[in-house]
Amino acid sequence: MRTIRLLTFAAIGTALWKYFRPAAEAPKADGHAAAFADAETHPENFDQTRSAGPEGMRDTPRRGWNKVDQAADESFPASDPPAY
């Protein structure tokens, strides 16, 4: 009986903590899209085209790029990707 009561209080306490804890801060808006590196959104880039390759991305890729990744990125938004 005591164990059930303890587990009930623990569950209620956990639920209340999750409900009332402060929300995580939203990422700060810095004025450009997530896909673009910092230098890719200057006003002279009027059509907002990102340079090909991982150096044109805002975030670093999760894995290293190979020639297929590079060729596919260079061909975007073409209708036909390279045939590797």
Protein backbone atom coordinates (compact mmCIF):
# COMPACT_ATOMS: atom_id res chain seq x y z
CA MET A 1 0.00 0.00 0.00
CA ARG A 2 2.82 2.36 0.90
CA THR A 3 4.66 1.57 -2.34
CA ILE A 4 1.58 2.34 -4.45
CA ARG A 5 1.14 5.67 -2.66
CA LEU A 6 4.80 6.55 -3.20
CA LEU A 7 4.64 5.66 -6.90
CA THR A 8 1.45 7.71 -7.29
CA PHE A 9 3.06 10.78 -5.70
CA ALA A 10 6.15 10.31 -7.86
CA ALA A 11 4.05 10.10 -11.02
CA ILE A 12 2.01 13.18 -10.07
CA GLY A 13 5.18 15.08 -9.17
CA THR A 14 6.80 14.19 -12.48
CA ALA A 15 3.70 15.23 -14.43
CA LEU A 16 3.51 18.55 -12.59
CA TRP A 17 7.21 19.20 -13.11
CA LYS A 18 6.93 18.55 -16.87
CA TYR A 19 3.86 20.76 -17.12
CA PHE A 20 5.21 23.73 -15.16
CA ARG A 21 8.89 23.71 -16.11
CA PRO A 22 10.07 26.66 -18.20
CA ALA A 23 9.83 26.17 -21.94
CA ALA A 24 13.05 25.87 -23.89
CA GLU A 25 14.05 29.08 -25.57
CA ALA A 26 13.28 29.29 -29.26
CA PRO A 27 16.28 29.73 -31.55
CA LYS A 28 17.02 33.36 -32.24
CA ALA A 29 15.91 34.62 -35.61
CA ASP A 30 18.97 36.02 -37.32
CA GLY A 31 17.31 37.07 -40.53
CA HIS A 32 18.11 34.23 -42.92
CA ALA A 33 16.95 30.76 -43.76
CA ALA A 34 18.48 27.73 -42.11
CA ALA A 35 19.81 26.29 -45.36
CA PHE A 36 22.04 29.28 -46.08
CA ALA A 37 25.47 29.99 -44.65
CA ASP A 38 25.99 33.42 -43.11
CA ALA A 39 27.50 34.98 -46.24
CA GLU A 40 24.86 33.51 -48.54
CA THR A 41 22.03 35.93 -47.68
CA HIS A 42 23.54 39.29 -48.50
CA PRO A 43 21.31 41.73 -50.43
CA GLU A 44 23.34 41.25 -53.62
CA ASN A 45 22.21 37.61 -53.61
CA PHE A 46 18.83 38.78 -54.95
CA ASP A 47 17.44 35.36 -55.91
CA GLN A 48 18.64 33.63 -52.71
CA THR A 49 20.54 30.87 -54.46
CA ARG A 50 22.83 28.88 -52.18
CA SER A 51 26.32 27.99 -53.36
CA ALA A 52 26.83 24.29 -53.93
CA GLY A 53 28.71 22.21 -51.39
CA PRO A 54 28.85 21.93 -47.63
CA GLU A 55 30.60 25.31 -47.28
CA GLY A 56 27.43 26.99 -48.56
CA MET A 57 25.32 25.40 -45.83
CA ARG A 58 24.56 26.93 -42.48
CA ASP A 59 24.95 23.67 -40.53
CA THR A 60 27.78 21.22 -40.97
CA PRO A 61 26.80 17.96 -42.68
CA ARG A 62 26.36 14.90 -40.47
CA ARG A 63 28.77 12.93 -42.61
CA GLY A 64 31.50 13.72 -45.12
CA TRP A 65 30.53 14.53 -48.68
CA ASN A 66 31.59 12.40 -51.63
CA LYS A 67 31.55 13.22 -55.34
CA VAL A 68 27.93 12.02 -55.70
CA ASP A 69 26.74 14.35 -52.94
CA GLN A 70 28.64 17.25 -54.49
CA ALA A 71 27.33 16.56 -58.01
CA ALA A 72 23.75 16.20 -56.80
CA ASP A 73 23.99 19.47 -54.89
CA GLU A 74 25.48 21.26 -57.90
CA SER A 75 22.68 20.00 -60.17
CA PHE A 76 19.82 21.09 -57.91
CA PRO A 77 17.11 22.12 -58.90
CA ALA A 78 17.71 20.53 -62.29
CA SER A 79 15.28 17.84 -63.26
CA ASP A 80 17.95 15.22 -63.93
CA PRO A 81 20.52 14.46 -61.23
CA PRO A 82 23.95 13.16 -62.29
CA ALA A 83 24.19 9.48 -63.17
CA TYR A 84 26.77 8.10 -60.75
